[in-house]
PDB file of N, CA and C in Angstrom:
ATOM      1  N   UNK A   1     -15.742   5.509 -10.385  1.00  0.00           N
ATOM      2  CA  UNK A   1     -16.306   5.453  -8.925  1.00  0.00           C
ATOM      3  C   UNK A   1     -15.810   6.359  -7.632  1.00  0.00           C
ATOM      4  N   UNK A   2     -16.182   6.705  -7.382  1.00  0.00           N
ATOM      5  CA  UNK A   2     -15.411   7.213  -5.803  1.00  0.00           C
ATOM      6  C   UNK A   2     -15.403   6.463  -4.553  1.00  0.00           C
ATOM      7  N   UNK A   3     -13.922   6.434  -4.309  1.00  0.00           N
ATOM      8  CA  UNK A   3     -13.358   5.470  -3.589  1.00  0.00           C
ATOM      9  C   UNK A   3     -13.184   6.156  -1.990  1.00  0.00           C
ATOM     10  N   UNK A   4     -13.608   5.648  -1.617  1.00  0.00           N
ATOM     11  CA  UNK A   4     -13.699   6.462   0.184  1.00  0.00           C
ATOM     12  C   UNK A   4     -12.645   6.739   0.222  1.00  0.00           C
ATOM     13  N   UNK A   5     -11.790   7.682   1.422  1.00  0.00           N
ATOM     14  CA  UNK A   5     -10.407   8.114   1.588  1.00  0.00           C
ATOM     15  C   UNK A   5      -9.497   6.787   2.117  1.00  0.00           C
ATOM     16  N   UNK A   6     -10.412   6.284   3.194  1.00  0.00           N
ATOM     17  CA  UNK A   6      -9.568   5.131   3.622  1.00  0.00           C
ATOM     18  C   UNK A   6      -8.815   4.090   2.581  1.00  0.00           C
ATOM     19  N   UNK A   7      -9.688   4.015   1.864  1.00  0.00           N
ATOM     20  CA  UNK A   7      -9.652   2.677   0.614  1.00  0.00           C
ATOM     21  C   UNK A   7      -8.292   3.448  -0.036  1.00  0.00           C
ATOM     22  N   UNK A   8      -8.506   4.688  -0.650  1.00  0.00           N
ATOM     23  CA  UNK A   8      -7.737   5.130  -1.373  1.00  0.00           C
ATOM     24  C   UNK A   8      -6.262   5.447  -0.450  1.00  0.00           C
ATOM     25  N   UNK A   9      -6.140   5.579   0.542  1.00  0.00           N
ATOM     26  CA  UNK A   9      -5.020   5.335   1.373  1.00  0.00           C
ATOM     27  C   UNK A   9      -4.606   4.245   1.585  1.00  0.00           C
ATOM     28  N   UNK A  10      -4.990   3.358   1.705  1.00  0.00           N
ATOM     29  CA  UNK A  10      -4.620   2.139   2.272  1.00  0.00           C
ATOM     30  C   UNK A  10      -4.039   1.231   0.176  1.00  0.00           C
ATOM     31  N   UNK A  11      -4.696   1.657  -1.080  1.00  0.00           N
ATOM     32  CA  UNK A  11      -4.031   1.465  -1.919  1.00  0.00           C
ATOM     33  C   UNK A  11      -2.560   1.932  -1.956  1.00  0.00           C
ATOM     34  N   UNK A  12      -2.900   3.236  -2.110  1.00  0.00           N
ATOM     35  CA  UNK A  12      -1.825   4.163  -1.805  1.00  0.00           C
ATOM     36  C   UNK A  12      -0.102   3.236  -1.200  1.00  0.00           C
ATOM     37  N   UNK A  13      -0.789   3.372   0.358  1.00  0.00           N
ATOM     38  CA  UNK A  13       0.534   2.433   1.287  1.00  0.00           C
ATOM     39  C   UNK A  13       1.178   1.068   0.182  1.00  0.00           C
ATOM     40  N   UNK A  14      -0.291   0.068  -0.217  1.00  0.00           N
ATOM     41  CA  UNK A  14       0.050  -1.254  -0.280  1.00  0.00           C
ATOM     42  C   UNK A  14       1.025  -0.523  -1.836  1.00  0.00           C
ATOM     43  N   UNK A  15       0.188   0.060  -2.442  1.00  0.00           N
ATOM     44  CA  UNK A  15       1.239   0.592  -3.698  1.00  0.00           C
ATOM     45  C   UNK A  15       2.491   0.947  -3.629  1.00  0.00           C
ATOM     46  N   UNK A  16       3.145   1.446  -2.437  1.00  0.00           N
ATOM     47  CA  UNK A  16       4.585   2.021  -2.519  1.00  0.00           C
ATOM     48  C   UNK A  16       5.069   0.268  -1.813  1.00  0.00           C
ATOM     49  N   UNK A  17       4.459  -0.181  -0.853  1.00  0.00           N
ATOM     50  CA  UNK A  17       5.404  -0.992  -0.087  1.00  0.00           C
ATOM     51  C   UNK A  17       5.590  -2.275  -1.372  1.00  0.00           C
ATOM     52  N   UNK A  18       4.624  -2.426  -2.363  1.00  0.00           N
ATOM     53  CA  UNK A  18       4.981  -3.655  -3.268  1.00  0.00           C
ATOM     54  C   UNK A  18       6.127  -2.837  -4.114  1.00  0.00           C
ATOM     55  N   UNK A  19       5.899  -1.749  -4.290  1.00  0.00           N
ATOM     56  CA  UNK A  19       6.941  -1.032  -4.939  1.00  0.00           C
ATOM     57  C   UNK A  19       8.455  -1.138  -4.287  1.00  0.00           C
ATOM     58  N   UNK A  20       8.621  -1.250  -3.024  1.00  0.00           N
ATOM     59  CA  UNK A  20      10.080  -1.292  -1.883  1.00  0.00           C
ATOM     60  C   UNK A  20       9.943  -3.130  -1.844  1.00  0.00           C
ATOM     61  N   UNK A  21       9.083  -3.595  -2.667  1.00  0.00           N
ATOM     62  CA  UNK A  21       9.624  -5.348  -2.004  1.00  0.00           C
ATOM     63  C   UNK A  21       9.433  -5.770  -0.573  1.00  0.00           C
ATOM     64  N   UNK A  22       8.737  -5.308   0.060  1.00  0.00           N
ATOM     65  CA  UNK A  22       8.282  -5.608   1.505  1.00  0.00           C
ATOM     66  C   UNK A  22       7.412  -6.168   1.734  1.00  0.00           C
ATOM     67  N   UNK A  23       7.208  -7.262   2.963  1.00  0.00           N
ATOM     68  CA  UNK A  23       5.726  -8.007   3.115  1.00  0.00           C
ATOM     69  C   UNK A  23       4.735  -6.498   4.292  1.00  0.00           C
ATOM     70  N   UNK A  24       3.878  -7.095   4.637  1.00  0.00           N
ATOM     71  CA  UNK A  24       3.199  -6.647   5.023  1.00  0.00           C
ATOM     72  C   UNK A  24       3.803  -6.606   7.259  1.00  0.00           C
ATOM     73  N   UNK A  25       4.596  -7.793   7.614  1.00  0.00           N
ATOM     74  CA  UNK A  25       5.198  -7.657   7.978  1.00  0.00           C
ATOM     75  C   UNK A  25       6.245  -6.881   8.693  1.00  0.00           C
ATOM     76  N   UNK A  26       7.061  -6.939   7.285  1.00  0.00           N
ATOM     77  CA  UNK A  26       8.592  -6.126   7.099  1.00  0.00           C
ATOM     78  C   UNK A  26       8.065  -4.746   7.289  1.00  0.00           C
ATOM     79  N   UNK A  27       6.822  -4.235   6.874  1.00  0.00           N
ATOM     80  CA  UNK A  27       6.596  -2.320   6.804  1.00  0.00           C
ATOM     81  C   UNK A  27       6.101  -2.621   8.354  1.00  0.00           C
ATOM     82  N   UNK A  28       4.966  -3.584   8.950  1.00  0.00           N
ATOM     83  CA  UNK A  28       4.838  -3.197  10.592  1.00  0.00           C
ATOM     84  C   UNK A  28       5.829  -3.085  11.032  1.00  0.00           C
ATOM     85  N   UNK A  29       7.254  -4.012  11.224  1.00  0.00           N
ATOM     86  CA  UNK A  29       8.544  -3.573  12.083  1.00  0.00           C
ATOM     87  C   UNK A  29       8.894  -2.786  11.700  1.00  0.00           C
ATOM     88  N   UNK A  30       8.970  -2.555  10.589  1.00  0.00           N
ATOM     89  CA  UNK A  30       9.667  -0.982   9.989  1.00  0.00           C
ATOM     90  C   UNK A  30       9.282   0.309  10.576  1.00  0.00           C
ATOM     91  N   UNK A  31       8.053   0.637  10.908  1.00  0.00           N
ATOM     92  CA  UNK A  31       7.019   1.363  11.402  1.00  0.00           C
ATOM     93  C   UNK A  31       6.765   1.635  12.727  1.00  0.00           C
ATOM     94  N   UNK A  32       6.673   0.011  13.259  1.00  0.00           N
ATOM     95  CA  UNK A  32       7.233  -0.509  14.385  1.00  0.00           C
ATOM     96  C   UNK A  32       5.414  -0.042  14.911  1.00  0.00           C
ATOM     97  N   UNK A  33       4.463  -1.172  13.872  1.00  0.00           N
ATOM     98  CA  UNK A  33       3.136  -1.131  14.123  1.00  0.00           C
ATOM     99  C   UNK A  33       3.067  -2.700  13.472  1.00  0.00           C
ATOM    100  N   UNK A  34       1.787  -3.200  14.585  1.00  0.00           N
ATOM    101  CA  UNK A  34       1.519  -4.970  14.046  1.00  0.00           C
ATOM    102  C   UNK A  34       0.951  -4.874  12.572  1.00  0.00           C
ATOM    103  N   UNK A  35       1.410  -6.066  12.018  1.00  0.00           N
ATOM    104  CA  UNK A  35       1.471  -6.433  10.980  1.00  0.00           C
ATOM    105  C   UNK A  35      -0.365  -6.486  10.502  1.00  0.00           C
ATOM    106  N   UNK A  36      -1.010  -6.800  11.649  1.00  0.00           N
ATOM    107  CA  UNK A  36      -2.731  -6.363  11.045  1.00  0.00           C
ATOM    108  C   UNK A  36      -3.021  -5.369  11.020  1.00  0.00           C
ATOM    109  N   UNK A  37      -2.385  -4.124  11.775  1.00  0.00           N
ATOM    110  CA  UNK A  37      -2.927  -2.866  11.454  1.00  0.00           C
ATOM    111  C   UNK A  37      -2.277  -2.647   9.818  1.00  0.00           C
ATOM    112  N   UNK A  38      -1.294  -2.580   9.528  1.00  0.00           N
ATOM    113  CA  UNK A  38      -0.931  -2.829   8.258  1.00  0.00           C
ATOM    114  C   UNK A  38      -2.020  -2.998   7.207  1.00  0.00           C
ATOM    115  N   UNK A  39      -2.529  -4.279   7.214  1.00  0.00           N
ATOM    116  CA  UNK A  39      -3.216  -5.547   6.535  1.00  0.00           C
ATOM    117  C   UNK A  39      -4.603  -4.336   6.552  1.00  0.00           C
ATOM    118  N   UNK A  40      -5.172  -4.358   7.737  1.00  0.00           N
ATOM    119  CA  UNK A  40      -6.109  -2.964   8.229  1.00  0.00           C
ATOM    120  C   UNK A  40      -6.347  -1.785   7.171  1.00  0.00           C
ATOM    121  N   UNK A  41      -4.992  -1.216   7.218  1.00  0.00           N
ATOM    122  CA  UNK A  41      -5.204   0.145   6.596  1.00  0.00           C
ATOM    123  C   UNK A  41      -4.820  -0.353   4.789  1.00  0.00           C
ATOM    124  N   UNK A  42      -4.541  -1.573   4.428  1.00  0.00           N
ATOM    125  CA  UNK A  42      -4.420  -1.469   3.313  1.00  0.00           C
ATOM    126  C   UNK A  42      -5.741  -1.782   2.869  1.00  0.00           C
ATOM    127  N   UNK A  43      -6.389  -2.360   3.887  1.00  0.00           N
ATOM    128  CA  UNK A  43      -8.062  -2.509   3.658  1.00  0.00           C
ATOM    129  C   UNK A  43      -8.964  -1.994   3.410  1.00  0.00           C
ATOM    130  N   UNK A  44      -8.663  -0.560   3.873  1.00  0.00           N
ATOM    131  CA  UNK A  44      -9.329   0.516   4.200  1.00  0.00           C
ATOM    132  C   UNK A  44     -10.454   0.136   5.609  1.00  0.00           C
ATOM    133  N   UNK A  45      -9.940  -0.366   5.747  1.00  0.00           N
ATOM    134  CA  UNK A  45     -10.388  -0.431   7.434  1.00  0.00           C
ATOM    135  C   UNK A  45      -9.896  -0.174   8.755  1.00  0.00           C
ATOM    136  N   UNK A  46      -9.390   0.845   8.421  1.00  0.00           N
ATOM    137  CA  UNK A  46      -8.547   1.708   9.587  1.00  0.00           C
ATOM    138  C   UNK A  46      -8.397   2.763   9.139  1.00  0.00           C
ATOM    139  N   UNK A  47      -9.083   3.509  10.479  1.00  0.00           N
ATOM    140  CA  UNK A  47      -8.608   4.945  10.473  1.00  0.00           C
ATOM    141  C   UNK A  47      -7.408   5.263  10.975  1.00  0.00           C
ATOM    142  N   UNK A  48      -6.412   6.337  10.020  1.00  0.00           N
ATOM    143  CA  UNK A  48      -5.440   5.719  10.545  1.00  0.00           C
ATOM    144  C   UNK A  48      -4.628   7.437  11.108  1.00  0.00           C
ATOM    145  N   UNK A  49      -3.788   7.653  11.976  1.00  0.00           N
ATOM    146  CA  UNK A  49      -3.799   8.501  13.262  1.00  0.00           C
ATOM    147  C   UNK A  49      -2.747   9.566  12.361  1.00  0.00           C
ATOM    148  N   UNK A  50      -1.567  10.442  12.419  1.00  0.00           N
ATOM    149  CA  UNK A  50      -0.965  11.540  11.997  1.00  0.00           C
ATOM    150  C   UNK A  50       0.348  10.646  12.095  1.00  0.00           C
ATOM    151  N   UNK A  51       0.263  10.724  13.282  1.00  0.00           N
ATOM    152  CA  UNK A  51       1.731  10.148  14.035  1.00  0.00           C
ATOM    153  C   UNK A  51       2.212   8.809  13.423  1.00  0.00           C
ATOM    154  N   UNK A  52       1.034   7.423  13.068  1.00  0.00           N
ATOM    155  CA  UNK A  52       1.127   6.301  12.260  1.00  0.00           C
ATOM    156  C   UNK A  52       1.702   6.823  10.518  1.00  0.00           C
ATOM    157  N   UNK A  53       0.362   7.768  10.238  1.00  0.00           N
ATOM    158  CA  UNK A  53       0.763   8.317   9.251  1.00  0.00           C
ATOM    159  C   UNK A  53       2.666   8.605   9.187  1.00  0.00           C
ATOM    160  N   UNK A  54       3.064   9.154   9.928  1.00  0.00           N
ATOM    161  CA  UNK A  54       4.667   9.877  10.069  1.00  0.00           C
ATOM    162  C   UNK A  54       5.656   8.568   9.672  1.00  0.00           C
ATOM    163  N   UNK A  55       4.750   7.296  11.108  1.00  0.00           N
ATOM    164  CA  UNK A  55       5.822   6.257  10.894  1.00  0.00           C
ATOM    165  C   UNK A  55       5.712   5.519   9.840  1.00  0.00           C
ATOM    166  N   UNK A  56       4.746   5.056   8.921  1.00  0.00           N
ATOM    167  CA  UNK A  56       4.531   4.388   7.667  1.00  0.00           C
ATOM    168  C   UNK A  56       5.666   5.156   6.879  1.00  0.00           C
ATOM    169  N   UNK A  57       5.434   6.560   6.343  1.00  0.00           N
ATOM    170  CA  UNK A  57       6.204   7.517   5.329  1.00  0.00           C
ATOM    171  C   UNK A  57       7.976   6.707   5.801  1.00  0.00           C
ATOM    172  N   UNK A  58       8.121   7.012   7.180  1.00  0.00           N
ATOM    173  CA  UNK A  58       9.451   6.698   7.580  1.00  0.00           C
ATOM    174  C   UNK A  58       9.827   5.570   7.067  1.00  0.00           C
ATOM    175  N   UNK A  59       9.184   4.093   7.361  1.00  0.00           N
ATOM    176  CA  UNK A  59       9.334   3.216   7.080  1.00  0.00           C
ATOM    177  C   UNK A  59       9.248   2.919   5.915  1.00  0.00           C
ATOM    178  N   UNK A  60       8.200   3.440   4.898  1.00  0.00           N
ATOM    179  CA  UNK A  60       8.821   3.245   3.613  1.00  0.00           C
ATOM    180  C   UNK A  60      10.075   4.093   2.525  1.00  0.00           C
ATOM    181  N   UNK A  61      10.578   5.485   3.533  1.00  0.00           N
ATOM    182  CA  UNK A  61      11.511   6.412   2.704  1.00  0.00           C
ATOM    183  C   UNK A  61      10.257   7.304   2.084  1.00  0.00           C
ATOM    184  N   UNK A  62       9.690   7.635   2.355  1.00  0.00           N
ATOM    185  CA  UNK A  62       9.101   8.626   1.230  1.00  0.00           C
ATOM    186  C   UNK A  62       8.546   9.696   2.286  1.00  0.00           C
ATOM    187  N   UNK A  63       8.136  10.748   1.645  1.00  0.00           N
ATOM    188  CA  UNK A  63       7.939  11.828   2.798  1.00  0.00           C
ATOM    189  C   UNK A  63       5.963  11.696   2.791  1.00  0.00           C
ATOM    190  N   UNK A  64       5.241  12.471   3.713  1.00  0.00           N
ATOM    191  CA  UNK A  64       4.135  12.111   3.822  1.00  0.00           C
ATOM    192  C   UNK A  64       3.265  12.677   2.709  1.00  0.00           C
ATOM    193  N   UNK A  65       3.332  13.834   1.770  1.00  0.00           N
ATOM    194  CA  UNK A  65       3.258  13.848   0.891  1.00  0.00           C
ATOM    195  C   UNK A  65       2.806  13.233  -0.045  1.00  0.00           C
ATOM    196  N   UNK A  66       4.003  12.099  -0.416  1.00  0.00           N
ATOM    197  CA  UNK A  66       3.766  11.568  -1.392  1.00  0.00           C
ATOM    198  C   UNK A  66       2.997  10.530  -1.422  1.00  0.00           C
ATOM    199  N   UNK A  67       2.477  10.071   0.125  1.00  0.00           N
ATOM    200  CA  UNK A  67       2.057   8.996   0.275  1.00  0.00           C
ATOM    201  C   UNK A  67       0.222   9.858  -0.090  1.00  0.00           C
ATOM    202  N   UNK A  68       0.241  10.815  -0.530  1.00  0.00           N
ATOM    203  CA  UNK A  68      -1.257  10.952  -0.717  1.00  0.00           C
ATOM    204  C   UNK A  68      -0.943  12.038  -2.270  1.00  0.00           C
ATOM    205  N   UNK A  69      -0.219  11.670  -2.905  1.00  0.00           N
ATOM    206  CA  UNK A  69       0.216  12.450  -4.013  1.00  0.00           C
ATOM    207  C   UNK A  69      -0.339  11.076  -5.341  1.00  0.00           C
ATOM    208  N   UNK A  70      -1.626  11.064  -5.609  1.00  0.00           N
ATOM    209  CA  UNK A  70      -2.107   9.944  -5.997  1.00  0.00           C
ATOM    210  C   UNK A  70      -3.205  11.418  -6.667  1.00  0.00           C
ATOM    211  N   UNK A  71      -3.442  10.732  -8.480  1.00  0.00           N
ATOM    212  CA  UNK A  71      -4.425  11.778  -8.970  1.00  0.00           C
ATOM    213  C   UNK A  71      -6.319  11.640  -8.585  1.00  0.00           C
ATOM    214  N   UNK A  72      -6.341  10.391  -8.014  1.00  0.00           N
ATOM    215  CA  UNK A  72      -7.234   9.929  -6.963  1.00  0.00           C
ATOM    216  C   UNK A  72      -7.472  10.575  -6.100  1.00  0.00           C
ATOM    217  N   UNK A  73      -6.298  11.154  -4.938  1.00  0.00           N
ATOM    218  CA  UNK A  73      -6.396  12.103  -3.932  1.00  0.00           C
ATOM    219  C   UNK A  73      -7.173  13.565  -4.580  1.00  0.00           C
ATOM    220  N   UNK A  74      -6.448  13.598  -5.549  1.00  0.00           N
ATOM    221  CA  UNK A  74      -7.038  15.086  -6.272  1.00  0.00           C
ATOM    222  C   UNK A  74      -8.673  16.003  -6.767  1.00  0.00           C
ATOM    223  N   UNK A  75      -9.540  14.442  -6.914  1.00  0.00           N
ATOM    224  CA  UNK A  75     -10.740  14.440  -7.177  1.00  0.00           C
ATOM    225  C   UNK A  75     -11.578  15.179  -6.338  1.00  0.00           C
TER     226      UNK A  75
END
């Protein structure tokens, strides 16, 4: 089943966040973004701007490329 790019990105953010053992609230604080915005991203409801992608990557201590490094993005 083909998934929307927003859903794929949201799932990837959630996967990395959970792997780091941090809450949506913690990620929001680290990225200077609201927790509800993080929730919307993870549910595939928010179209994330490039500056926010960078902030999320920094907060998760990963590269921007790593945020998009899943097999689903290569289909």
